Amino acid sequence: MDTDDRLDEAFMALADPIRRAIIARLSRGSQTVNDLAEPFEISKQAVSRHIQVLENAGLVTRSRDAQRRPVHLDSGRLEELTAWIDKYRIIAEQQFRNLDALLATQEEEEK
């Protein structure tokens, strides 16, 4: 899978508000499916499907701890997404700085 496909899959996974809420909860530490399902008014099966989408996108992982299967946030994957977003944020900020400089020059010329 190439970089664009990985980005598409991750952003599609994050497009759902329940999956974003799951990511937010996991940012505070690993949790079981039961723990993650607690605040939602959907079945545990539905939460498991949301977790599977996040797992397929590489945003979360699962491990086995005896009978428990905790879900963990893959912060490295989130950092990849943040780096992609930052690349374009930096470009946009530079364009705004250039515009500010141009406007300041024009104001000085008008005085």
PDB file of N, CA and C in Angstrom:
ATOM      1  N   MET A   1       0.851  -1.177   0.000  1.00  0.00           N
ATOM      2  CA  MET A   1       0.000   0.000   0.000  1.00  0.00           C
ATOM      3  C   MET A   1       0.897   1.242   0.000  1.00  0.00           C
ATOM      4  N   ASP A   2       0.634   2.159  -0.926  1.00  0.00           N
ATOM      5  CA  ASP A   2       1.476   3.351  -0.998  1.00  0.00           C
ATOM      6  C   ASP A   2       1.023   4.411   0.013  1.00  0.00           C
ATOM      7  N   THR A   3       1.807   5.473   0.102  1.00  0.00           N
ATOM      8  CA  THR A   3       1.570   6.509   1.108  1.00  0.00           C
ATOM      9  C   THR A   3       0.195   7.148   0.965  1.00  0.00           C
ATOM     10  N   ASP A   4      -0.210   7.448  -0.273  1.00  0.00           N
ATOM     11  CA  ASP A   4      -1.520   8.074  -0.471  1.00  0.00           C
ATOM     12  C   ASP A   4      -2.648   7.160  -0.005  1.00  0.00           C
ATOM     13  N   ASP A   5      -2.534   5.873  -0.294  1.00  0.00           N
ATOM     14  CA  ASP A   5      -3.564   4.924   0.140  1.00  0.00           C
ATOM     15  C   ASP A   5      -3.625   4.836   1.662  1.00  0.00           C
ATOM     16  N   ARG A   6      -2.456   4.852   2.294  1.00  0.00           N
ATOM     17  CA  ARG A   6      -2.412   4.803   3.768  1.00  0.00           C
ATOM     18  C   ARG A   6      -3.041   6.062   4.365  1.00  0.00           C
ATOM     19  N   LEU A   7      -2.746   7.214   3.767  1.00  0.00           N
ATOM     20  CA  LEU A   7      -3.356   8.465   4.233  1.00  0.00           C
ATOM     21  C   LEU A   7      -4.867   8.429   4.051  1.00  0.00           C
ATOM     22  N   ASP A   8      -5.309   7.984   2.883  1.00  0.00           N
ATOM     23  CA  ASP A   8      -6.747   7.895   2.618  1.00  0.00           C
ATOM     24  C   ASP A   8      -7.437   7.015   3.644  1.00  0.00           C
ATOM     25  N   GLU A   9      -6.844   5.853   3.910  1.00  0.00           N
ATOM     26  CA  GLU A   9      -7.456   4.920   4.858  1.00  0.00           C
ATOM     27  C   GLU A   9      -7.519   5.509   6.269  1.00  0.00           C
ATOM     28  N   ALA A  10      -6.448   6.171   6.674  1.00  0.00           N
ATOM     29  CA  ALA A  10      -6.426   6.766   8.013  1.00  0.00           C
ATOM     30  C   ALA A  10      -7.428   7.908   8.137  1.00  0.00           C
ATOM     31  N   PHE A  11      -7.473   8.790   7.147  1.00  0.00           N
ATOM     32  CA  PHE A  11      -8.408   9.910   7.225  1.00  0.00           C
ATOM     33  C   PHE A  11      -9.853   9.442   7.113  1.00  0.00           C
ATOM     34  N   MET A  12     -10.109   8.400   6.315  1.00  0.00           N
ATOM     35  CA  MET A  12     -11.466   7.857   6.253  1.00  0.00           C
ATOM     36  C   MET A  12     -11.871   7.261   7.601  1.00  0.00           C
ATOM     37  N   ALA A  13     -10.917   6.605   8.254  1.00  0.00           N
ATOM     38  CA  ALA A  13     -11.207   6.041   9.572  1.00  0.00           C
ATOM     39  C   ALA A  13     -11.523   7.152  10.571  1.00  0.00           C
ATOM     40  N   LEU A  14     -10.815   8.260  10.469  1.00  0.00           N
ATOM     41  CA  LEU A  14     -11.009   9.372  11.399  1.00  0.00           C
ATOM     42  C   LEU A  14     -12.213  10.246  11.043  1.00  0.00           C
ATOM     43  N   ALA A  15     -12.847   9.977   9.911  1.00  0.00           N
ATOM     44  CA  ALA A  15     -14.005  10.772   9.495  1.00  0.00           C
ATOM     45  C   ALA A  15     -15.221  10.505  10.373  1.00  0.00           C
ATOM     46  N   ASP A  16     -15.245   9.391  11.059  1.00  0.00           N
ATOM     47  CA  ASP A  16     -16.394   9.021  11.891  1.00  0.00           C
ATOM     48  C   ASP A  16     -16.221   9.576  13.309  1.00  0.00           C
ATOM     49  N   PRO A  17     -17.248  10.243  13.850  1.00  0.00           N
ATOM     50  CA  PRO A  17     -17.113  10.842  15.192  1.00  0.00           C
ATOM     51  C   PRO A  17     -16.912   9.814  16.303  1.00  0.00           C
ATOM     52  N   ILE A  18     -17.472   8.637  16.168  1.00  0.00           N
ATOM     53  CA  ILE A  18     -17.265   7.614  17.207  1.00  0.00           C
ATOM     54  C   ILE A  18     -15.813   7.158  17.196  1.00  0.00           C
ATOM     55  N   ARG A  19     -15.257   6.972  16.016  1.00  0.00           N
ATOM     56  CA  ARG A  19     -13.855   6.546  15.948  1.00  0.00           C
ATOM     57  C   ARG A  19     -12.928   7.641  16.470  1.00  0.00           C
ATOM     58  N   ARG A  20     -13.261   8.905  16.196  1.00  0.00           N
ATOM     59  CA  ARG A  20     -12.443   9.992  16.767  1.00  0.00           C
ATOM     60  C   ARG A  20     -12.542   9.992  18.285  1.00  0.00           C
ATOM     61  N   ALA A  21     -13.727   9.718  18.816  1.00  0.00           N
ATOM     62  CA  ALA A  21     -13.899   9.661  20.275  1.00  0.00           C
ATOM     63  C   ALA A  21     -13.102   8.493  20.858  1.00  0.00           C
ATOM     64  N   ILE A  22     -13.065   7.384  20.151  1.00  0.00           N
ATOM     65  CA  ILE A  22     -12.273   6.233  20.608  1.00  0.00           C
ATOM     66  C   ILE A  22     -10.796   6.614  20.646  1.00  0.00           C
ATOM     67  N   ILE A  23     -10.320   7.286  19.604  1.00  0.00           N
ATOM     68  CA  ILE A  23      -8.922   7.746  19.582  1.00  0.00           C
ATOM     69  C   ILE A  23      -8.658   8.676  20.758  1.00  0.00           C
ATOM     70  N   ALA A  24      -9.581   9.585  21.032  1.00  0.00           N
ATOM     71  CA  ALA A  24      -9.409  10.518  22.153  1.00  0.00           C
ATOM     72  C   ALA A  24      -9.315   9.758  23.472  1.00  0.00           C
ATOM     73  N   ARG A  25     -10.159   8.760  23.655  1.00  0.00           N
ATOM     74  CA  ARG A  25     -10.115   7.975  24.894  1.00  0.00           C
ATOM     75  C   ARG A  25      -8.804   7.198  24.993  1.00  0.00           C
ATOM     76  N   LEU A  26      -8.343   6.650  23.873  1.00  0.00           N
ATOM     77  CA  LEU A  26      -7.095   5.887  23.880  1.00  0.00           C
ATOM     78  C   LEU A  26      -5.877   6.783  24.081  1.00  0.00           C
ATOM     79  N   SER A  27      -6.013   8.066  23.813  1.00  0.00           N
ATOM     80  CA  SER A  27      -4.883   8.980  24.033  1.00  0.00           C
ATOM     81  C   SER A  27      -4.548   9.088  25.520  1.00  0.00           C
ATOM     82  N   ARG A  28      -5.488   8.699  26.364  1.00  0.00           N
ATOM     83  CA  ARG A  28      -5.261   8.715  27.821  1.00  0.00           C
ATOM     84  C   ARG A  28      -4.743   7.375  28.332  1.00  0.00           C
ATOM     85  N   GLY A  29      -4.642   6.381  27.444  1.00  0.00           N
ATOM     86  CA  GLY A  29      -4.112   5.084  27.841  1.00  0.00           C
ATOM     87  C   GLY A  29      -4.900   3.943  27.218  1.00  0.00           C
ATOM     88  N   SER A  30      -4.304   2.775  27.222  1.00  0.00           N
ATOM     89  CA  SER A  30      -4.920   1.591  26.643  1.00  0.00           C
ATOM     90  C   SER A  30      -6.185   1.217  27.396  1.00  0.00           C
ATOM     91  N   GLN A  31      -7.163   0.675  26.667  1.00  0.00           N
ATOM     92  CA  GLN A  31      -8.429   0.278  27.263  1.00  0.00           C
ATOM     93  C   GLN A  31      -8.961  -0.968  26.566  1.00  0.00           C
ATOM     94  N   THR A  32      -9.838  -1.668  27.241  1.00  0.00           N
ATOM     95  CA  THR A  32     -10.500  -2.813  26.635  1.00  0.00           C
ATOM     96  C   THR A  32     -11.696  -2.329  25.811  1.00  0.00           C
ATOM     97  N   VAL A  33     -12.240  -3.240  25.009  1.00  0.00           N
ATOM     98  CA  VAL A  33     -13.427  -2.897  24.218  1.00  0.00           C
ATOM     99  C   VAL A  33     -14.570  -2.522  25.147  1.00  0.00           C
ATOM    100  N   ASN A  34     -14.731  -3.246  26.248  1.00  0.00           N
ATOM    101  CA  ASN A  34     -15.794  -2.914  27.209  1.00  0.00           C
ATOM    102  C   ASN A  34     -15.642  -1.494  27.740  1.00  0.00           C
ATOM    103  N   ASP A  35     -14.413  -1.117  28.083  1.00  0.00           N
ATOM    104  CA  ASP A  35     -14.161   0.243  28.566  1.00  0.00           C
ATOM    105  C   ASP A  35     -14.476   1.274  27.486  1.00  0.00           C
ATOM    106  N   LEU A  36     -14.046   0.969  26.263  1.00  0.00           N
ATOM    107  CA  LEU A  36     -14.265   1.908  25.164  1.00  0.00           C
ATOM    108  C   LEU A  36     -15.740   2.036  24.812  1.00  0.00           C
ATOM    109  N   ALA A  37     -16.499   0.960  24.985  1.00  0.00           N
ATOM    110  CA  ALA A  37     -17.918   0.964  24.617  1.00  0.00           C
ATOM    111  C   ALA A  37     -18.785   1.709  25.627  1.00  0.00           C
ATOM    112  N   GLU A  38     -18.289   1.872  26.833  1.00  0.00           N
ATOM    113  CA  GLU A  38     -19.082   2.426  27.945  1.00  0.00           C
ATOM    114  C   GLU A  38     -19.839   3.721  27.622  1.00  0.00           C
ATOM    115  N   PRO A  39     -19.201   4.756  27.046  1.00  0.00           N
ATOM    116  CA  PRO A  39     -19.936   6.015  26.866  1.00  0.00           C
ATOM    117  C   PRO A  39     -20.870   6.052  25.650  1.00  0.00           C
ATOM    118  N   PHE A  40     -20.820   5.036  24.814  1.00  0.00           N
ATOM    119  CA  PHE A  40     -21.583   5.066  23.576  1.00  0.00           C
ATOM    120  C   PHE A  40     -22.889   4.286  23.718  1.00  0.00           C
ATOM    121  N   GLU A  41     -23.897   4.753  23.035  1.00  0.00           N
ATOM    122  CA  GLU A  41     -25.187   4.065  23.045  1.00  0.00           C
ATOM    123  C   GLU A  41     -25.293   3.145  21.834  1.00  0.00           C
ATOM    124  N   ILE A  42     -24.240   2.394  21.598  1.00  0.00           N
ATOM    125  CA  ILE A  42     -24.225   1.397  20.543  1.00  0.00           C
ATOM    126  C   ILE A  42     -23.717   0.093  21.144  1.00  0.00           C
ATOM    127  N   SER A  43     -23.905  -1.005  20.439  1.00  0.00           N
ATOM    128  CA  SER A  43     -23.502  -2.312  20.966  1.00  0.00           C
ATOM    129  C   SER A  43     -21.983  -2.438  21.025  1.00  0.00           C
ATOM    130  N   LYS A  44     -21.523  -3.372  21.827  1.00  0.00           N
ATOM    131  CA  LYS A  44     -20.084  -3.650  21.900  1.00  0.00           C
ATOM    132  C   LYS A  44     -19.587  -4.178  20.565  1.00  0.00           C
ATOM    133  N   GLN A  45     -20.459  -4.899  19.850  1.00  0.00           N
ATOM    134  CA  GLN A  45     -20.091  -5.372  18.513  1.00  0.00           C
ATOM    135  C   GLN A  45     -19.815  -4.205  17.582  1.00  0.00           C
ATOM    136  N   ALA A  46     -20.639  -3.172  17.657  1.00  0.00           N
ATOM    137  CA  ALA A  46     -20.441  -1.987  16.816  1.00  0.00           C
ATOM    138  C   ALA A  46     -19.134  -1.287  17.179  1.00  0.00           C
ATOM    139  N   VAL A  47     -18.848  -1.202  18.465  1.00  0.00           N
ATOM    140  CA  VAL A  47     -17.586  -0.605  18.902  1.00  0.00           C
ATOM    141  C   VAL A  47     -16.419  -1.445  18.397  1.00  0.00           C
ATOM    142  N   SER A  48     -16.546  -2.753  18.450  1.00  0.00           N
ATOM    143  CA  SER A  48     -15.498  -3.643  17.937  1.00  0.00           C
ATOM    144  C   SER A  48     -15.266  -3.413  16.449  1.00  0.00           C
ATOM    145  N   ARG A  49     -16.332  -3.197  15.702  1.00  0.00           N
ATOM    146  CA  ARG A  49     -16.174  -2.924  14.266  1.00  0.00           C
ATOM    147  C   ARG A  49     -15.455  -1.595  14.047  1.00  0.00           C
ATOM    148  N   HIS A  50     -15.788  -0.588  14.865  1.00  0.00           N
ATOM    149  CA  HIS A  50     -15.082   0.695  14.760  1.00  0.00           C
ATOM    150  C   HIS A  50     -13.596   0.507  15.075  1.00  0.00           C
ATOM    151  N   ILE A  51     -13.308  -0.282  16.084  1.00  0.00           N
ATOM    152  CA  ILE A  51     -11.908  -0.539  16.446  1.00  0.00           C
ATOM    153  C   ILE A  51     -11.195  -1.267  15.313  1.00  0.00           C
ATOM    154  N   GLN A  52     -11.897  -2.187  14.673  1.00  0.00           N
ATOM    155  CA  GLN A  52     -11.296  -2.914  13.551  1.00  0.00           C
ATOM    156  C   GLN A  52     -10.938  -1.969  12.402  1.00  0.00           C
ATOM    157  N   VAL A  53     -11.805  -0.996  12.124  1.00  0.00           N
ATOM    158  CA  VAL A  53     -11.511   0.001  11.083  1.00  0.00           C
ATOM    159  C   VAL A  53     -10.258   0.789  11.472  1.00  0.00           C
ATOM    160  N   LEU A  54     -10.179   1.201  12.732  1.00  0.00           N
ATOM    161  CA  LEU A  54      -9.005   1.941  13.210  1.00  0.00           C
ATOM    162  C   LEU A  54      -7.749   1.072  13.144  1.00  0.00           C
ATOM    163  N   GLU A  55      -7.907  -0.199  13.456  1.00  0.00           N
ATOM    164  CA  GLU A  55      -6.776  -1.129  13.417  1.00  0.00           C
ATOM    165  C   GLU A  55      -6.312  -1.333  11.966  1.00  0.00           C
ATOM    166  N   ASN A  56      -7.247  -1.489  11.036  1.00  0.00           N
ATOM    167  CA  ASN A  56      -6.887  -1.651   9.624  1.00  0.00           C
ATOM    168  C   ASN A  56      -6.188  -0.414   9.078  1.00  0.00           C
ATOM    169  N   ALA A  57      -6.531   0.744   9.624  1.00  0.00           N
ATOM    170  CA  ALA A  57      -5.893   1.998   9.210  1.00  0.00           C
ATOM    171  C   ALA A  57      -4.548   2.209   9.904  1.00  0.00           C
ATOM    172  N   GLY A  58      -4.194   1.312  10.817  1.00  0.00           N
ATOM    173  CA  GLY A  58      -2.912   1.415  11.516  1.00  0.00           C
ATOM    174  C   GLY A  58      -2.903   2.404  12.657  1.00  0.00           C
ATOM    175  N   LEU A  59      -4.087   2.853  13.074  1.00  0.00           N
ATOM    176  CA  LEU A  59      -4.157   3.858  14.136  1.00  0.00           C
ATOM    177  C   LEU A  59      -4.172   3.249  15.530  1.00  0.00           C
ATOM    178  N   VAL A  60      -4.603   1.999  15.646  1.00  0.00           N
ATOM    179  CA  VAL A  60      -4.607   1.310  16.935  1.00  0.00           C
ATOM    180  C   VAL A  60      -4.083  -0.109  16.749  1.00  0.00           C
ATOM    181  N   THR A  61      -3.650  -0.684  17.851  1.00  0.00           N
ATOM    182  CA  THR A  61      -3.225  -2.078  17.871  1.00  0.00           C
ATOM    183  C   THR A  61      -3.906  -2.759  19.045  1.00  0.00           C
ATOM    184  N   ARG A  62      -3.912  -4.075  19.007  1.00  0.00           N
ATOM    185  CA  ARG A  62      -4.451  -4.856  20.125  1.00  0.00           C
ATOM    186  C   ARG A  62      -3.377  -5.816  20.596  1.00  0.00           C
ATOM    187  N   SER A  63      -3.401  -6.106  21.868  1.00  0.00           N
ATOM    188  CA  SER A  63      -2.489  -7.097  22.427  1.00  0.00           C
ATOM    189  C   SER A  63      -3.311  -8.068  23.273  1.00  0.00           C
ATOM    190  N   ARG A  64      -2.661  -9.089  23.740  1.00  0.00           N
ATOM    191  CA  ARG A  64      -3.351 -10.058  24.584  1.00  0.00           C
ATOM    192  C   ARG A  64      -2.672 -10.057  25.949  1.00  0.00           C
ATOM    193  N   ASP A  65      -3.489  -9.905  26.979  1.00  0.00           N
ATOM    194  CA  ASP A  65      -3.013  -9.928  28.358  1.00  0.00           C
ATOM    195  C   ASP A  65      -3.931 -10.886  29.103  1.00  0.00           C
ATOM    196  N   ALA A  66      -3.534 -12.165  29.119  1.00  0.00           N
ATOM    197  CA  ALA A  66      -4.377 -13.237  29.685  1.00  0.00           C
ATOM    198  C   ALA A  66      -5.724 -13.229  28.958  1.00  0.00           C
ATOM    199  N   GLN A  67      -6.813 -12.941  29.653  1.00  0.00           N
ATOM    200  CA  GLN A  67      -8.144 -12.915  29.042  1.00  0.00           C
ATOM    201  C   GLN A  67      -8.466 -11.562  28.411  1.00  0.00           C
ATOM    202  N   ARG A  68      -7.699 -10.555  28.743  1.00  0.00           N
ATOM    203  CA  ARG A  68      -7.969  -9.202  28.234  1.00  0.00           C
ATOM    204  C   ARG A  68      -7.301  -8.998  26.883  1.00  0.00           C
ATOM    205  N   ARG A  69      -7.934  -8.180  26.047  1.00  0.00           N
ATOM    206  CA  ARG A  69      -7.348  -7.773  24.764  1.00  0.00           C
ATOM    207  C   ARG A  69      -7.370  -6.259  24.687  1.00  0.00           C
ATOM    208  N   PRO A  70      -6.445  -5.603  25.393  1.00  0.00           N
ATOM    209  CA  PRO A  70      -6.450  -4.138  25.394  1.00  0.00           C
ATOM    210  C   PRO A  70      -6.166  -3.561  24.003  1.00  0.00           C
ATOM    211  N   VAL A  71      -6.741  -2.400  23.781  1.00  0.00           N
ATOM    212  CA  VAL A  71      -6.542  -1.655  22.537  1.00  0.00           C
ATOM    213  C   VAL A  71      -5.600  -0.505  22.862  1.00  0.00           C
ATOM    214  N   HIS A  72      -4.616  -0.297  21.973  1.00  0.00           N
ATOM    215  CA  HIS A  72      -3.593   0.728  22.197  1.00  0.00           C
ATOM    216  C   HIS A  72      -3.568   1.700  21.021  1.00  0.00           C
ATOM    217  N   LEU A  73      -3.364   2.944  21.316  1.00  0.00           N
ATOM    218  CA  LEU A  73      -3.206   3.963  20.290  1.00  0.00           C
ATOM    219  C   LEU A  73      -1.813   3.835  19.689  1.00  0.00           C
ATOM    220  N   ASP A  74      -1.711   3.900  18.370  1.00  0.00           N
ATOM    221  CA  ASP A  74      -0.404   3.908  17.705  1.00  0.00           C
ATOM    222  C   ASP A  74      -0.027   5.369  17.460  1.00  0.00           C
ATOM    223  N   SER A  75       0.659   5.948  18.413  1.00  0.00           N
ATOM    224  CA  SER A  75       0.983   7.377  18.332  1.00  0.00           C
ATOM    225  C   SER A  75       1.906   7.680  17.158  1.00  0.00           C
ATOM    226  N   GLY A  76       2.722   6.721  16.764  1.00  0.00           N
ATOM    227  CA  GLY A  76       3.598   6.929  15.610  1.00  0.00           C
ATOM    228  C   GLY A  76       2.807   7.164  14.340  1.00  0.00           C
ATOM    229  N   ARG A  77       1.729   6.437  14.190  1.00  0.00           N
ATOM    230  CA  ARG A  77       0.872   6.601  13.004  1.00  0.00           C
ATOM    231  C   ARG A  77       0.207   7.984  13.021  1.00  0.00           C
ATOM    232  N   LEU A  78      -0.234   8.416  14.198  1.00  0.00           N
ATOM    233  CA  LEU A  78      -0.824   9.758  14.304  1.00  0.00           C
ATOM    234  C   LEU A  78       0.215  10.828  13.992  1.00  0.00           C
ATOM    235  N   GLU A  79       1.457  10.587  14.381  1.00  0.00           N
ATOM    236  CA  GLU A  79       2.524  11.544  14.083  1.00  0.00           C
ATOM    237  C   GLU A  79       2.752  11.654  12.576  1.00  0.00           C
ATOM    238  N   GLU A  80       2.605  10.532  11.850  1.00  0.00           N
ATOM    239  CA  GLU A  80       2.721  10.571  10.392  1.00  0.00           C
ATOM    240  C   GLU A  80       1.640  11.469   9.793  1.00  0.00           C
ATOM    241  N   LEU A  81       0.418  11.333  10.298  1.00  0.00           N
ATOM    242  CA  LEU A  81      -0.682  12.165   9.799  1.00  0.00           C
ATOM    243  C   LEU A  81      -0.445  13.630  10.133  1.00  0.00           C
ATOM    244  N   THR A  82       0.019  13.892  11.334  1.00  0.00           N
ATOM    245  CA  THR A  82       0.308  15.263  11.757  1.00  0.00           C
ATOM    246  C   THR A  82       1.414  15.873  10.895  1.00  0.00           C
ATOM    247  N   ALA A  83       2.424  15.084  10.578  1.00  0.00           N
ATOM    248  CA  ALA A  83       3.521  15.580   9.737  1.00  0.00           C
ATOM    249  C   ALA A  83       3.007  15.940   8.351  1.00  0.00           C
ATOM    250  N   TRP A  84       2.102  15.138   7.797  1.00  0.00           N
ATOM    251  CA  TRP A  84       1.532  15.422   6.489  1.00  0.00           C
ATOM    252  C   TRP A  84       0.738  16.728   6.542  1.00  0.00           C
ATOM    253  N   ILE A  85      -0.072  16.897   7.575  1.00  0.00           N
ATOM    254  CA  ILE A  85      -0.871  18.113   7.735  1.00  0.00           C
ATOM    255  C   ILE A  85       0.053  19.324   7.942  1.00  0.00           C
ATOM    256  N   ASP A  86       1.081  19.160   8.772  1.00  0.00           N
ATOM    257  CA  ASP A  86       2.001  20.264   9.066  1.00  0.00           C
ATOM    258  C   ASP A  86       2.712  20.771   7.821  1.00  0.00           C
ATOM    259  N   LYS A  87       3.017  19.861   6.904  1.00  0.00           N
ATOM    260  CA  LYS A  87       3.688  20.270   5.668  1.00  0.00           C
ATOM    261  C   LYS A  87       2.852  21.335   4.952  1.00  0.00           C
ATOM    262  N   TYR A  88       1.565  21.123   4.876  1.00  0.00           N
ATOM    263  CA  TYR A  88       0.690  22.070   4.185  1.00  0.00           C
ATOM    264  C   TYR A  88       0.361  23.284   5.049  1.00  0.00           C
ATOM    265  N   ARG A  89       0.351  23.111   6.366  1.00  0.00           N
ATOM    266  CA  ARG A  89       0.136  24.245   7.266  1.00  0.00           C
ATOM    267  C   ARG A  89       1.292  25.225   7.154  1.00  0.00           C
ATOM    268  N   ILE A  90       2.498  24.702   7.079  1.00  0.00           N
ATOM    269  CA  ILE A  90       3.690  25.555   6.975  1.00  0.00           C
ATOM    270  C   ILE A  90       3.663  26.343   5.660  1.00  0.00           C
ATOM    271  N   ILE A  91       3.253  25.692   4.580  1.00  0.00           N
ATOM    272  CA  ILE A  91       3.149  26.383   3.287  1.00  0.00           C
ATOM    273  C   ILE A  91       2.124  27.508   3.384  1.00  0.00           C
ATOM    274  N   ALA A  92       0.964  27.214   3.963  1.00  0.00           N
ATOM    275  CA  ALA A  92      -0.087  28.227   4.091  1.00  0.00           C
ATOM    276  C   ALA A  92       0.376  29.387   4.972  1.00  0.00           C
ATOM    277  N   GLU A  93       1.065  29.086   6.077  1.00  0.00           N
ATOM    278  CA  GLU A  93       1.559  30.153   6.952  1.00  0.00           C
ATOM    279  C   GLU A  93       2.566  31.032   6.223  1.00  0.00           C
ATOM    280  N   GLN A  94       3.423  30.436   5.396  1.00  0.00           N
ATOM    281  CA  GLN A  94       4.396  31.223   4.642  1.00  0.00           C
ATOM    282  C   GLN A  94       3.688  32.139   3.654  1.00  0.00           C
ATOM    283  N   GLN A  95       2.631  31.649   3.031  1.00  0.00           N
ATOM    284  CA  GLN A  95       1.869  32.487   2.101  1.00  0.00           C
ATOM    285  C   GLN A  95       1.229  33.667   2.833  1.00  0.00           C
ATOM    286  N   PHE A  96       0.717  33.435   4.035  1.00  0.00           N
ATOM    287  CA  PHE A  96       0.137  34.528   4.815  1.00  0.00           C
ATOM    288  C   PHE A  96       1.210  35.530   5.225  1.00  0.00           C
ATOM    289  N   ARG A  97       2.398  35.045   5.609  1.00  0.00           N
ATOM    290  CA  ARG A  97       3.487  35.966   5.955  1.00  0.00           C
ATOM    291  C   ARG A  97       3.880  36.809   4.746  1.00  0.00           C
ATOM    292  N   ASN A  98       3.929  36.178   3.573  1.00  0.00           N
ATOM    293  CA  ASN A  98       4.249  36.921   2.349  1.00  0.00           C
ATOM    294  C   ASN A  98       3.188  37.983   2.067  1.00  0.00           C
ATOM    295  N   LEU A  99       1.932  37.632   2.264  1.00  0.00           N
ATOM    296  CA  LEU A  99       0.843  38.586   2.060  1.00  0.00           C
ATOM    297  C   LEU A  99       0.938  39.725   3.067  1.00  0.00           C
ATOM    298  N   ASP A 100       1.221  39.414   4.326  1.00  0.00           N
ATOM    299  CA  ASP A 100       1.391  40.446   5.348  1.00  0.00           C
ATOM    300  C   ASP A 100       2.519  41.407   4.971  1.00  0.00           C
ATOM    301  N   ALA A 101       3.624  40.847   4.477  1.00  0.00           N
ATOM    302  CA  ALA A 101       4.758  41.686   4.088  1.00  0.00           C
ATOM    303  C   ALA A 101       4.394  42.582   2.911  1.00  0.00           C
ATOM    304  N   LEU A 102       3.664  42.047   1.963  1.00  0.00           N
ATOM    305  CA  LEU A 102       3.243  42.836   0.812  1.00  0.00           C
ATOM    306  C   LEU A 102       2.309  43.969   1.233  1.00  0.00           C
ATOM    307  N   LEU A 103       1.363  43.659   2.100  1.00  0.00           N
ATOM    308  CA  LEU A 103       0.436  44.680   2.581  1.00  0.00           C
ATOM    309  C   LEU A 103       1.163  45.756   3.379  1.00  0.00           C
ATOM    310  N   ALA A 104       2.125  45.349   4.183  1.00  0.00           N
ATOM    311  CA  ALA A 104       2.897  46.319   4.962  1.00  0.00           C
ATOM    312  C   ALA A 104       3.692  47.239   4.033  1.00  0.00           C
ATOM    313  N   THR A 105       4.248  46.678   2.989  1.00  0.00           N
ATOM    314  CA  THR A 105       5.002  47.480   1.995  1.00  0.00           C
ATOM    315  C   THR A 105       4.082  48.479   1.311  1.00  0.00           C
ATOM    316  N   GLN A 106       2.877  48.030   0.951  1.00  0.00           N
ATOM    317  CA  GLN A 106       1.935  48.933   0.295  1.00  0.00           C
ATOM    318  C   GLN A 106       1.492  50.046   1.229  1.00  0.00           C
ATOM    319  N   GLU A 107       1.291  49.730   2.484  1.00  0.00           N
ATOM    320  CA  GLU A 107       0.901  50.767   3.466  1.00  0.00           C
ATOM    321  C   GLU A 107       2.000  51.798   3.606  1.00  0.00           C
ATOM    322  N   GLU A 108       3.254  51.366   3.619  1.00  0.00           N
ATOM    323  CA  GLU A 108       4.393  52.296   3.733  1.00  0.00           C
ATOM    324  C   GLU A 108       4.477  53.181   2.497  1.00  0.00           C
ATOM    325  N   GLU A 109       4.227  52.617   1.332  1.00  0.00           N
ATOM    326  CA  GLU A 109       4.278  53.393   0.099  1.00  0.00           C
ATOM    327  C   GLU A 109       3.162  54.440   0.020  1.00  0.00           C
ATOM    328  N   GLU A 110       2.013  54.135   0.621  1.00  0.00           N
ATOM    329  CA  GLU A 110       0.890  55.064   0.592  1.00  0.00           C
ATOM    330  C   GLU A 110       1.073  56.236   1.551  1.00  0.00           C
ATOM    331  N   LYS A 111       1.969  56.124   2.496  1.00  0.00           N
ATOM    332  CA  LYS A 111       2.184  57.198   3.492  1.00  0.00           C
ATOM    333  C   LYS A 111       3.013  58.292   2.954  1.00  0.00           C
TER     334      LYS A 111
END
